[in-house]
Amino acid sequence: MKTLNANLPTHPQRREMIALAAYYLAESRGFAPGKAEDDWLQAEQVIDAMIADHQLSRSTGMNAGRTSIRNALQSLSLLESQVVPDLDG
């Protein structure tokens, strides 16, 4: 019997997603010091909301995940840069 959590990202995958989102947040403010914890907490909220909304899962590919995370941060106006890099090649 499958559980509802079968396709949730693993703890290491979730942590990697949060780290990526926190990096994008820090990058968008020019890596100014003193906000790393705020970036991490904000990234956790965004990633957990995306997981709850089934936008990210255990099977999300890394390139698709990067694009989804950056786009979500942009749509929430959390990133100053509106440029999304082409990660497919």
N, C-alpha and C. Protein backbone atom coordinates (compact mmCIF):
# COMPACT_ATOMS: atom_id res chain seq x y z
N MET A 1 0.83 -1.18 0.00
CA MET A 1 0.00 0.00 0.00
C MET A 1 0.88 1.25 0.00
N LYS A 2 0.64 2.13 -0.94
CA LYS A 2 1.43 3.36 -1.02
C LYS A 2 0.93 4.38 -0.02
N THR A 3 1.86 5.14 0.53
CA THR A 3 1.48 6.21 1.45
C THR A 3 1.41 7.52 0.69
N LEU A 4 0.78 8.50 1.30
CA LEU A 4 0.66 9.82 0.67
C LEU A 4 2.02 10.49 0.53
N ASN A 5 2.98 10.09 1.33
CA ASN A 5 4.31 10.71 1.34
C ASN A 5 5.28 10.04 0.37
N ALA A 6 4.83 9.09 -0.42
CA ALA A 6 5.72 8.31 -1.27
C ALA A 6 6.49 9.16 -2.27
N ASN A 7 5.94 10.26 -2.73
CA ASN A 7 6.63 11.08 -3.73
C ASN A 7 7.18 12.38 -3.15
N LEU A 8 7.13 12.54 -1.83
CA LEU A 8 7.73 13.72 -1.23
C LEU A 8 9.24 13.64 -1.37
N PRO A 9 9.90 14.80 -1.54
CA PRO A 9 11.36 14.77 -1.60
C PRO A 9 11.94 14.18 -0.32
N THR A 10 13.07 13.51 -0.45
CA THR A 10 13.76 13.01 0.73
C THR A 10 14.29 14.21 1.51
N HIS A 11 14.69 13.97 2.75
CA HIS A 11 15.24 15.07 3.55
C HIS A 11 16.46 15.71 2.86
N PRO A 12 17.40 14.91 2.34
CA PRO A 12 18.54 15.53 1.63
C PRO A 12 18.10 16.31 0.38
N GLN A 13 17.11 15.81 -0.35
CA GLN A 13 16.62 16.55 -1.52
C GLN A 13 15.99 17.87 -1.11
N ARG A 14 15.17 17.85 -0.05
CA ARG A 14 14.53 19.07 0.45
C ARG A 14 15.59 20.08 0.87
N ARG A 15 16.59 19.61 1.59
CA ARG A 15 17.66 20.50 2.06
C ARG A 15 18.40 21.12 0.87
N GLU A 16 18.65 20.34 -0.17
CA GLU A 16 19.31 20.85 -1.37
C GLU A 16 18.45 21.91 -2.06
N MET A 17 17.15 21.67 -2.11
CA MET A 17 16.23 22.65 -2.71
C MET A 17 16.23 23.95 -1.92
N ILE A 18 16.21 23.84 -0.60
CA ILE A 18 16.23 25.03 0.26
C ILE A 18 17.54 25.78 0.08
N ALA A 19 18.65 25.05 0.04
CA ALA A 19 19.95 25.69 -0.16
C ALA A 19 19.99 26.44 -1.49
N LEU A 20 19.44 25.86 -2.53
CA LEU A 20 19.41 26.51 -3.83
C LEU A 20 18.56 27.77 -3.78
N ALA A 21 17.39 27.69 -3.18
CA ALA A 21 16.52 28.86 -3.07
C ALA A 21 17.19 29.95 -2.23
N ALA A 22 17.85 29.57 -1.13
CA ALA A 22 18.55 30.55 -0.29
C ALA A 22 19.68 31.21 -1.07
N TYR A 23 20.38 30.44 -1.89
CA TYR A 23 21.44 30.99 -2.74
C TYR A 23 20.87 32.03 -3.69
N TYR A 24 19.74 31.70 -4.36
CA TYR A 24 19.12 32.65 -5.28
C TYR A 24 18.71 33.93 -4.56
N LEU A 25 18.20 33.79 -3.33
CA LEU A 25 17.81 34.98 -2.56
C LEU A 25 19.03 35.83 -2.23
N ALA A 26 20.11 35.18 -1.79
CA ALA A 26 21.34 35.91 -1.47
C ALA A 26 21.92 36.56 -2.71
N GLU A 27 21.90 35.84 -3.81
CA GLU A 27 22.41 36.37 -5.07
C GLU A 27 21.64 37.62 -5.49
N SER A 28 20.33 37.60 -5.29
CA SER A 28 19.49 38.72 -5.74
C SER A 28 19.75 39.99 -4.94
N ARG A 29 20.33 39.85 -3.75
CA ARG A 29 20.65 41.05 -2.96
C ARG A 29 22.16 41.30 -2.90
N GLY A 30 22.86 40.71 -3.87
CA GLY A 30 24.29 40.96 -4.00
C GLY A 30 25.15 40.32 -2.92
N PHE A 31 24.65 39.26 -2.31
CA PHE A 31 25.38 38.54 -1.25
C PHE A 31 25.81 39.43 -0.10
N ALA A 32 25.02 40.48 0.17
CA ALA A 32 25.32 41.35 1.31
C ALA A 32 25.30 40.52 2.59
N PRO A 33 26.27 40.75 3.47
CA PRO A 33 26.36 39.95 4.70
C PRO A 33 25.22 40.24 5.68
N GLY A 34 25.00 39.29 6.58
CA GLY A 34 24.06 39.48 7.67
C GLY A 34 22.64 39.01 7.43
N LYS A 35 22.37 38.41 6.28
CA LYS A 35 21.00 37.98 5.98
C LYS A 35 20.89 36.49 5.66
N ALA A 36 21.94 35.73 5.88
CA ALA A 36 21.94 34.31 5.51
C ALA A 36 20.82 33.54 6.20
N GLU A 37 20.61 33.78 7.48
CA GLU A 37 19.55 33.06 8.20
C GLU A 37 18.17 33.45 7.66
N ASP A 38 17.97 34.74 7.38
CA ASP A 38 16.70 35.18 6.80
C ASP A 38 16.47 34.53 5.44
N ASP A 39 17.54 34.46 4.62
CA ASP A 39 17.43 33.82 3.32
C ASP A 39 17.00 32.36 3.48
N TRP A 40 17.63 31.66 4.43
CA TRP A 40 17.34 30.24 4.64
C TRP A 40 15.89 30.06 5.08
N LEU A 41 15.46 30.85 6.04
CA LEU A 41 14.09 30.71 6.55
C LEU A 41 13.05 31.03 5.48
N GLN A 42 13.31 32.04 4.68
CA GLN A 42 12.41 32.39 3.60
C GLN A 42 12.40 31.28 2.54
N ALA A 43 13.57 30.75 2.25
CA ALA A 43 13.67 29.65 1.29
C ALA A 43 12.91 28.43 1.78
N GLU A 44 13.02 28.12 3.08
CA GLU A 44 12.27 26.99 3.64
C GLU A 44 10.77 27.16 3.42
N GLN A 45 10.27 28.36 3.65
CA GLN A 45 8.84 28.61 3.48
C GLN A 45 8.42 28.40 2.03
N VAL A 46 9.21 28.92 1.11
CA VAL A 46 8.87 28.79 -0.31
C VAL A 46 8.92 27.33 -0.75
N ILE A 47 9.98 26.64 -0.39
CA ILE A 47 10.14 25.23 -0.80
C ILE A 47 9.05 24.36 -0.18
N ASP A 48 8.77 24.56 1.10
CA ASP A 48 7.73 23.75 1.73
C ASP A 48 6.36 24.01 1.10
N ALA A 49 6.10 25.25 0.71
CA ALA A 49 4.84 25.56 0.02
C ALA A 49 4.79 24.89 -1.34
N MET A 50 5.92 24.88 -2.05
CA MET A 50 5.97 24.23 -3.37
C MET A 50 5.79 22.72 -3.24
N ILE A 51 6.37 22.13 -2.21
CA ILE A 51 6.20 20.69 -1.98
C ILE A 51 4.74 20.40 -1.65
N ALA A 52 4.14 21.21 -0.78
CA ALA A 52 2.74 21.00 -0.39
C ALA A 52 1.81 21.15 -1.59
N ASP A 53 2.19 22.01 -2.53
CA ASP A 53 1.38 22.25 -3.72
C ASP A 53 1.75 21.30 -4.86
N HIS A 54 2.60 20.32 -4.55
CA HIS A 54 3.03 19.29 -5.51
C HIS A 54 3.78 19.87 -6.71
N GLN A 55 4.43 21.01 -6.55
CA GLN A 55 5.25 21.58 -7.61
C GLN A 55 6.65 20.97 -7.60
N LEU A 56 7.06 20.43 -6.46
CA LEU A 56 8.34 19.75 -6.32
C LEU A 56 8.08 18.39 -5.69
N SER A 57 8.81 17.38 -6.16
CA SER A 57 8.63 16.04 -5.62
C SER A 57 9.96 15.30 -5.65
N ARG A 58 9.93 14.07 -5.18
CA ARG A 58 11.12 13.23 -5.17
C ARG A 58 11.65 13.01 -6.59
N SER A 59 10.75 13.02 -7.57
CA SER A 59 11.15 12.72 -8.94
C SER A 59 11.44 13.97 -9.78
N THR A 60 11.36 15.16 -9.18
CA THR A 60 11.66 16.39 -9.93
C THR A 60 13.13 16.38 -10.32
N GLY A 61 13.41 16.54 -11.60
CA GLY A 61 14.79 16.60 -12.07
C GLY A 61 15.46 17.87 -11.58
N MET A 62 16.78 17.84 -11.46
CA MET A 62 17.49 18.98 -10.90
C MET A 62 17.31 20.23 -11.75
N ASN A 63 17.42 20.13 -13.07
CA ASN A 63 17.25 21.32 -13.91
C ASN A 63 15.83 21.86 -13.82
N ALA A 64 14.86 20.98 -13.85
CA ALA A 64 13.46 21.42 -13.72
C ALA A 64 13.23 22.02 -12.35
N GLY A 65 13.84 21.43 -11.34
CA GLY A 65 13.70 21.97 -9.98
C GLY A 65 14.30 23.36 -9.84
N ARG A 66 15.47 23.55 -10.43
CA ARG A 66 16.11 24.88 -10.38
C ARG A 66 15.22 25.93 -11.02
N THR A 67 14.71 25.60 -12.19
CA THR A 67 13.85 26.55 -12.91
C THR A 67 12.58 26.82 -12.12
N SER A 68 11.96 25.78 -11.58
CA SER A 68 10.73 25.94 -10.80
C SER A 68 10.96 26.80 -9.57
N ILE A 69 12.08 26.57 -8.88
CA ILE A 69 12.39 27.33 -7.67
C ILE A 69 12.63 28.80 -8.02
N ARG A 70 13.45 29.05 -9.03
CA ARG A 70 13.73 30.44 -9.41
C ARG A 70 12.44 31.14 -9.86
N ASN A 71 11.62 30.47 -10.65
CA ASN A 71 10.37 31.07 -11.11
C ASN A 71 9.42 31.36 -9.95
N ALA A 72 9.36 30.45 -8.97
CA ALA A 72 8.50 30.69 -7.81
C ALA A 72 8.97 31.90 -7.02
N LEU A 73 10.28 32.02 -6.83
CA LEU A 73 10.82 33.17 -6.10
C LEU A 73 10.55 34.46 -6.85
N GLN A 74 10.67 34.41 -8.18
CA GLN A 74 10.38 35.60 -8.99
C GLN A 74 8.90 35.96 -8.91
N SER A 75 8.03 34.98 -8.98
CA SER A 75 6.60 35.28 -8.95
C SER A 75 6.18 35.86 -7.61
N LEU A 76 6.92 35.55 -6.56
CA LEU A 76 6.65 36.12 -5.25
C LEU A 76 7.39 37.45 -5.06
N SER A 77 8.04 37.91 -6.12
CA SER A 77 8.83 39.16 -6.09
C SER A 77 9.92 39.11 -5.03
N LEU A 78 10.50 37.94 -4.83
CA LEU A 78 11.59 37.79 -3.87
C LEU A 78 12.95 37.94 -4.52
N LEU A 79 12.99 37.90 -5.85
CA LEU A 79 14.24 38.09 -6.57
C LEU A 79 14.18 39.40 -7.33
N GLU A 80 15.26 40.15 -7.28
CA GLU A 80 15.33 41.40 -8.01
C GLU A 80 15.56 41.15 -9.50
N SER A 81 16.39 40.16 -9.81
CA SER A 81 16.70 39.83 -11.19
C SER A 81 15.55 39.07 -11.82
N GLN A 82 15.19 39.45 -13.03
CA GLN A 82 14.11 38.77 -13.74
C GLN A 82 14.68 37.83 -14.81
N VAL A 83 15.99 37.62 -14.81
CA VAL A 83 16.62 36.76 -15.81
C VAL A 83 16.66 35.33 -15.28
N VAL A 84 16.07 34.41 -16.03
CA VAL A 84 16.11 32.99 -15.67
C VAL A 84 17.08 32.31 -16.62
N PRO A 85 18.17 31.76 -16.10
CA PRO A 85 19.15 31.13 -16.99
C PRO A 85 18.59 29.88 -17.64
N ASP A 86 19.08 29.59 -18.84
CA ASP A 86 18.71 28.37 -19.54
C ASP A 86 19.57 27.24 -18.96
N LEU A 87 18.96 26.37 -18.20
CA LEU A 87 19.70 25.30 -17.54
C LEU A 87 19.69 24.00 -18.32
N ASP A 88 19.04 24.00 -19.47
CA ASP A 88 18.94 22.79 -20.26
C ASP A 88 20.10 22.59 -21.21
N GLY A 89 21.01 23.54 -21.26
CA GLY A 89 22.14 23.32 -22.14
C GLY A 89 22.61 24.50 -22.74
